[in-house]
Structures are given as C-alpha cells and as structure tokens.
Amino acid sequence: MSSRREFIAHVGTIGSALAVGASLPGVSQGQDTGTPELPKQPLPETDSPATSPNSTQTNPAPTNSPQANTSPGAESPAITPPSETTPATPPADLTLPKSPTPPQDPATEAKNVHLVKANEGNAVWLLGTLVRIKAMCGETAGCCASWEQVIYPGAGIPSHLHTREIETWYLLEGELEWHVGDKSYTAQGGDFLSLPRNVPHHFSNKSANPARMLVTYAPANFESWLLEVGQPAANPLADPPAITAEELKKAVAAAEKYGVKFTPLR
C-alpha cells in the first residue's frame, strides 16, 4: 500500500513538471518536452579575437560588418569606405609646373664644344705680360671669359677694381704676390683665389722666373678690353715689349667703359 501511494505521488510530480514546461515560451504542445527549448537571445558583444590572448585568428571581421550585428530586426549600419580610397580633388587655383624644355640634339650640342689646345688662343701683349685668350663671350653664351696670362719677372698689373665682374685667379706655375684689399698672399703653383666685385686688387712677379696664371671673369665681355688695349703678339716666345706711358694712359681710359677703375696702391 505504501509503495502504491509513493508511485502515485511520483507520477503526479512528473505531470506537474510537464505542465509547467508546456507553458514556457518556445515549447510546442504535443512534442517531446524532456528538454525545454529556451528562447534565443542576442549574443553579448565580446572583444575582437585579435585582442584575445587565446585567439589564433589573424584577420577579424570589421566591427562595422553586417554580420557583426545579429540582433533580430536590427538595421545593418552603412559601410563607409576608407578615406584613402577617395581621390583628392586639387584646389581650383592650383598651377601645375610646366614641362621642362626638351634637351637639344646631342649632335647639335657637340658643335658648340670649344677646344683650345696648349699655346693656342688669340695672343696679345698687355702691360708687360702675355695674354692668350681661351674663351670669349660668344663662345660661352656670355657666361664667362677666360685667358692664360704669363707674368714675367718684375711685371704685374696695377691696382684696380671691377664693378661688373667676379674674377678668379688660378696660378698654374711659378710664384706671384697677390694683393687683395688690405691683404697680401705669396701664391705658389696650384693656389686659387676668388675676387668679389668692387675690391681693389693687383699682382706682381718678384721672383726670378715667369709665372703662368689662368684668369676668369664672369660675366664675359671684359676680354674686349684686352683686345682694345693690347698689342698683337706675333711671336709669343719673344721678350715682352717695354711698357710706355702712352700704353698705360690708354689702358686706364678704356677700362672705364667696362666698369673698371684703376686705384692708387695702398
């Protein structure tokens, strides 16, 4: 009797449990209710797998991807493309640089090459020195003029200054006394000097041997003074002619046309 009552009580308990389960949302009537089905809920947001120390995924889905939002009825956010893919619009007032001038034909440029060999060039005697002009205005497009000057012992050029040209001296051989402003230098072969405008300067040879110097002026045109004042050197190997007062007076007067001023020695 006792066992029968316990069996009836046990059956009643199971029936009550089935009735409760049938009343829960998501549980269909007439189906197996041994395991009640719970309603689906949105997945909680979690950290990106890339930041999880136990994750091996290397390419996580973007957070703005439609798959990232699994809530029922939620609208998918609009995907904004990266700004890098949007081409930049140049300003309306932007001025683009012009294309460079194409180079000329090398064959044409080669015709402008100017070669002067040793002991060549228009030679003139100038104030006791020998000048061989190596490059003139028309041969350098006005950029510069250059000549080789031989300064014999005891010779030199009086003090003067240039208002238009920058001058350089490069002593090829021998020894010269260079005077620039209030400074003096004893130059040896291989020495170089750059002279700015409006600075008085002169040079002289106090040694027993001739000196040879390369002189350059920029811009060109002062070489015309050499041709105007100097005497043609028919025999450059001959001794230089003596300097006359007339020659010196002519040199000083003609120099003014080229912006050159002779100055008293300091």
Protein backbone atom coordinates (compact mmCIF):
# COMPACT_ATOMS: atom_id res chain seq x y z
CA MET A 1 0.00 0.00 0.00
CA SER A 2 2.75 2.38 0.91
CA SER A 3 4.59 1.70 -2.34
CA ARG A 4 1.47 2.35 -4.41
CA ARG A 5 0.91 5.73 -2.75
CA GLU A 6 4.56 6.73 -3.43
CA PHE A 7 4.18 5.69 -7.07
CA ILE A 8 1.01 7.80 -7.49
CA ALA A 9 2.70 10.79 -5.84
CA HIS A 10 5.71 10.41 -8.13
CA VAL A 11 3.53 10.34 -11.24
CA GLY A 12 1.74 13.49 -10.08
CA THR A 13 5.05 15.30 -9.70
CA ILE A 14 6.11 14.43 -13.24
CA GLY A 15 2.78 15.63 -14.60
CA SER A 16 3.11 18.98 -12.87
CA ALA A 17 6.58 19.43 -14.30
CA LEU A 18 5.33 18.68 -17.82
CA ALA A 19 2.52 21.18 -17.44
CA VAL A 20 4.92 23.92 -16.36
CA GLY A 21 7.26 23.16 -19.25
CA ALA A 22 4.42 23.33 -21.76
CA SER A 23 3.53 26.84 -20.60
CA LEU A 24 7.06 28.21 -21.21
CA PRO A 25 7.70 30.28 -24.40
CA GLY A 26 9.18 28.29 -27.26
CA VAL A 27 7.80 24.88 -26.09
CA SER A 28 5.37 23.30 -28.56
CA GLN A 29 2.42 21.24 -27.36
CA GLY A 30 2.45 17.60 -28.23
CA GLN A 31 6.24 17.45 -28.70
CA ASP A 32 8.87 15.84 -26.60
CA THR A 33 9.32 18.17 -23.67
CA GLY A 34 12.06 16.25 -21.96
CA THR A 35 14.43 19.22 -22.62
CA PRO A 36 12.62 22.54 -22.75
CA GLU A 37 13.86 24.89 -25.54
CA LEU A 38 14.89 28.30 -24.22
CA PRO A 39 14.28 31.46 -26.27
CA LYS A 40 17.23 32.76 -28.37
CA GLN A 41 18.87 35.85 -27.05
CA PRO A 42 21.33 38.25 -28.82
CA LEU A 43 24.95 37.24 -28.33
CA PRO A 44 26.78 39.54 -25.98
CA GLU A 45 29.48 41.71 -27.54
CA THR A 46 32.96 40.41 -26.88
CA ASP A 47 36.44 41.66 -27.52
CA SER A 48 37.85 41.22 -31.00
CA PRO A 49 39.56 37.85 -31.46
CA ALA A 50 42.67 39.75 -32.47
CA THR A 51 42.95 41.12 -28.93
CA SER A 52 42.26 37.84 -27.18
CA PRO A 53 45.40 36.16 -25.90
CA ASN A 54 43.98 32.69 -26.70
CA SER A 55 42.78 33.55 -30.18
CA THR A 56 44.63 32.35 -33.26
CA GLN A 57 42.55 34.31 -35.78
CA THR A 58 44.66 36.96 -37.57
CA ASN A 59 42.02 38.61 -39.75
CA PRO A 60 38.99 39.55 -37.59
CA ALA A 61 35.81 40.72 -39.24
CA PRO A 62 35.36 44.53 -39.23
CA THR A 63 33.17 45.81 -36.44
CA ASN A 64 31.00 47.65 -38.94
CA SER A 65 30.31 44.48 -40.92
CA PRO A 66 26.58 43.49 -41.17
CA GLN A 67 27.43 40.05 -39.80
CA ALA A 68 28.59 41.61 -36.55
CA ASN A 69 25.03 42.59 -35.55
CA THR A 70 22.84 39.51 -35.01
CA SER A 71 20.02 41.22 -33.10
CA PRO A 72 16.60 40.34 -34.58
CA GLY A 73 15.16 43.26 -36.55
CA ALA A 74 18.30 45.42 -36.23
CA GLU A 75 19.23 47.50 -39.31
CA SER A 76 22.64 46.95 -40.81
CA PRO A 77 24.83 50.08 -40.48
CA ALA A 78 26.08 51.70 -43.65
CA ILE A 79 29.66 50.79 -44.54
CA THR A 80 31.87 53.85 -45.07
CA PRO A 81 34.81 53.23 -47.42
CA PRO A 82 38.25 54.24 -46.12
CA SER A 83 39.27 57.79 -46.85
CA GLU A 84 42.43 56.57 -48.57
CA THR A 85 40.38 55.27 -51.49
CA THR A 86 38.72 58.63 -52.11
CA PRO A 87 40.76 60.57 -54.71
CA ALA A 88 41.81 64.03 -53.56
CA THR A 89 40.40 66.94 -55.51
CA PRO A 90 43.13 69.51 -56.39
CA PRO A 91 42.45 73.14 -55.48
CA ALA A 92 40.87 75.22 -58.19
CA ASP A 93 43.80 77.68 -58.16
CA LEU A 94 46.50 75.00 -58.37
CA THR A 95 49.10 75.80 -61.04
CA LEU A 96 50.88 72.75 -62.36
CA PRO A 97 54.57 73.10 -63.27
CA LYS A 98 55.37 73.37 -66.92
CA SER A 99 57.19 70.56 -68.65
CA PRO A 100 60.94 71.13 -68.87
CA THR A 101 62.37 72.19 -72.19
CA PRO A 102 63.47 69.06 -74.03
CA PRO A 103 67.23 68.80 -74.49
CA GLN A 104 68.67 69.63 -77.84
CA ASP A 105 70.05 67.05 -80.18
CA PRO A 106 73.46 65.88 -78.84
CA ALA A 107 74.88 66.22 -82.33
CA THR A 108 73.86 69.90 -82.33
CA GLU A 109 75.28 70.47 -78.85
CA ALA A 110 78.57 68.87 -79.87
CA LYS A 111 79.08 71.63 -82.43
CA ASN A 112 79.21 74.16 -79.57
CA VAL A 113 82.13 72.45 -77.83
CA HIS A 114 85.08 74.84 -77.75
CA LEU A 115 88.54 73.27 -77.54
CA VAL A 116 91.71 75.36 -77.27
CA LYS A 117 94.98 73.46 -77.04
CA ALA A 118 98.16 74.50 -75.29
CA ASN A 119 99.89 77.55 -76.78
CA GLU A 120 96.70 78.36 -78.75
CA GLY A 121 94.35 81.31 -78.45
CA ASN A 122 94.38 84.94 -79.51
CA ALA A 123 97.67 86.30 -78.05
CA VAL A 124 98.36 89.95 -77.12
CA TRP A 125 100.97 91.83 -75.12
CA LEU A 126 99.34 93.66 -72.19
CA LEU A 127 101.30 95.95 -69.84
CA GLY A 128 104.42 93.78 -69.95
CA THR A 129 102.55 90.44 -69.76
CA LEU A 130 101.50 87.90 -72.41
CA VAL A 131 97.80 87.06 -72.63
CA ARG A 132 96.32 84.11 -74.55
CA ILE A 133 92.53 84.33 -74.71
CA LYS A 134 90.96 80.87 -74.29
CA ALA A 135 87.24 81.71 -74.19
CA MET A 136 85.31 84.81 -75.19
CA CYS A 137 81.75 85.99 -74.71
CA GLY A 138 80.42 84.45 -77.92
CA GLU A 139 81.89 81.06 -77.07
CA THR A 140 80.32 80.80 -73.59
CA ALA A 141 76.92 82.42 -74.28
CA GLY A 142 78.11 85.39 -72.24
CA CYS A 143 78.67 83.28 -69.13
CA CYS A 144 82.37 83.97 -68.69
CA ALA A 145 85.67 84.78 -70.36
CA SER A 146 88.98 83.11 -69.64
CA TRP A 147 92.62 83.60 -70.59
CA GLU A 148 96.08 82.42 -69.71
CA GLN A 149 98.46 85.16 -68.59
CA VAL A 150 102.24 84.93 -68.39
CA ILE A 151 103.73 87.37 -65.89
CA TYR A 152 107.45 87.90 -66.37
CA PRO A 153 109.87 88.77 -63.54
CA GLY A 154 109.35 92.38 -62.45
CA ALA A 155 106.00 92.67 -64.30
CA GLY A 156 102.47 92.95 -62.97
CA ILE A 157 99.11 94.69 -63.31
CA PRO A 158 98.42 97.99 -61.43
CA SER A 159 95.78 98.14 -58.68
CA HIS A 160 92.19 98.29 -59.96
CA LEU A 161 88.67 97.04 -59.21
CA HIS A 162 85.78 95.63 -61.21
CA THR A 163 82.21 96.83 -60.74
CA ARG A 164 80.61 94.25 -63.06
CA GLU A 165 82.56 91.00 -62.96
CA ILE A 166 83.60 88.40 -60.45
CA GLU A 167 87.22 87.41 -61.06
CA THR A 168 89.21 84.27 -60.26
CA TRP A 169 92.94 83.58 -60.30
CA TYR A 170 94.39 80.09 -60.60
CA LEU A 171 98.21 80.02 -60.53
CA LEU A 172 99.37 77.23 -62.83
CA GLU A 173 103.10 77.57 -62.17
CA GLY A 174 105.62 79.97 -60.67
CA GLU A 175 105.22 82.41 -57.80
CA LEU A 176 103.25 85.65 -57.55
CA GLU A 177 102.43 88.28 -54.96
CA TRP A 178 98.66 88.64 -54.77
CA HIS A 179 97.27 91.81 -53.18
CA VAL A 180 93.51 91.95 -52.43
CA GLY A 181 92.16 94.85 -50.39
CA ASP A 182 94.44 95.16 -47.37
CA LYS A 183 95.66 91.54 -47.57
CA SER A 184 98.68 90.08 -49.35
CA TYR A 185 99.48 86.49 -50.31
CA THR A 186 102.53 84.78 -51.72
CA ALA A 187 100.92 82.39 -54.18
CA GLN A 188 102.50 79.15 -55.39
CA GLY A 189 101.52 76.90 -58.29
CA GLY A 190 98.09 75.36 -57.64
CA ASP A 191 96.79 78.25 -55.48
CA PHE A 192 93.35 79.66 -56.31
CA LEU A 193 91.69 82.98 -55.43
CA SER A 194 88.15 84.27 -55.95
CA LEU A 195 87.65 88.04 -56.12
CA PRO A 196 84.29 89.74 -55.49
CA ARG A 197 83.26 92.94 -57.19
CA ASN A 198 84.43 96.38 -56.01
CA VAL A 199 87.53 95.10 -54.18
CA PRO A 200 90.87 96.68 -55.26
CA HIS A 201 93.49 94.12 -56.28
CA HIS A 202 96.73 93.70 -58.21
CA PHE A 203 99.50 91.16 -58.64
CA SER A 204 103.23 91.21 -59.40
CA ASN A 205 106.10 88.81 -60.01
CA LYS A 206 109.02 89.40 -57.66
CA SER A 207 110.67 86.08 -58.41
CA ALA A 208 113.37 85.31 -60.96
CA ASN A 209 111.12 83.09 -63.14
CA PRO A 210 108.00 83.69 -65.23
CA ALA A 211 104.67 82.76 -63.67
CA ARG A 212 101.62 81.46 -65.52
CA MET A 213 98.07 82.09 -64.31
CA LEU A 214 94.55 81.25 -65.55
CA VAL A 215 92.25 84.27 -65.16
CA THR A 216 88.45 84.03 -65.46
CA TYR A 217 85.79 86.74 -65.44
CA ALA A 218 82.03 86.28 -65.07
CA PRO A 219 80.07 87.51 -66.86
CA ALA A 220 82.02 87.85 -70.07
CA ASN A 221 82.90 90.99 -72.09
CA PHE A 222 85.94 92.35 -70.26
CA GLU A 223 88.13 90.37 -72.69
CA SER A 224 87.24 93.07 -75.26
CA TRP A 225 89.34 95.48 -73.18
CA LEU A 226 92.35 93.20 -73.71
CA LEU A 227 91.95 93.33 -77.48
CA GLU A 228 91.40 97.08 -77.46
CA VAL A 229 94.43 97.92 -75.34
CA GLY A 230 96.86 95.07 -76.02
CA GLN A 231 99.27 94.72 -78.91
CA PRO A 232 99.06 91.60 -81.11
CA ALA A 233 101.79 89.13 -80.15
CA ALA A 234 103.12 87.88 -83.48
CA ASN A 235 105.85 85.96 -81.66
CA PRO A 236 104.71 84.96 -78.16
CA LEU A 237 108.12 83.43 -77.46
CA ALA A 238 109.86 86.78 -77.83
CA ASP A 239 110.65 89.08 -74.93
CA PRO A 240 107.74 91.36 -73.96
CA PRO A 241 107.90 94.97 -75.16
CA ALA A 242 108.60 97.69 -72.62
CA ILE A 243 105.61 99.47 -71.07
CA THR A 244 105.15 103.05 -72.28
CA ALA A 245 103.30 105.93 -70.63
CA GLU A 246 101.05 106.14 -73.67
CA GLU A 247 100.06 102.49 -73.34
CA LEU A 248 99.28 102.87 -69.63
CA LYS A 249 97.18 106.01 -70.26
CA LYS A 250 95.21 104.23 -72.98
CA ALA A 251 94.57 101.22 -70.73
CA VAL A 252 93.23 103.36 -67.88
CA ALA A 253 90.91 105.42 -70.13
CA ALA A 254 89.50 102.40 -71.96
CA ALA A 255 88.84 100.50 -68.73
CA GLU A 256 86.15 102.95 -67.67
CA LYS A 257 83.90 101.73 -70.49
CA TYR A 258 83.97 98.27 -68.90
CA GLY A 259 83.25 99.41 -65.36
CA VAL A 260 86.89 99.01 -64.27
CA LYS A 261 88.57 101.64 -62.13
CA PHE A 262 92.31 101.87 -61.55
CA THR A 263 93.08 102.79 -57.96
CA PRO A 264 96.16 104.08 -56.17
CA LEU A 265 98.23 101.49 -54.31
CA ARG A 266 97.54 101.19 -50.58
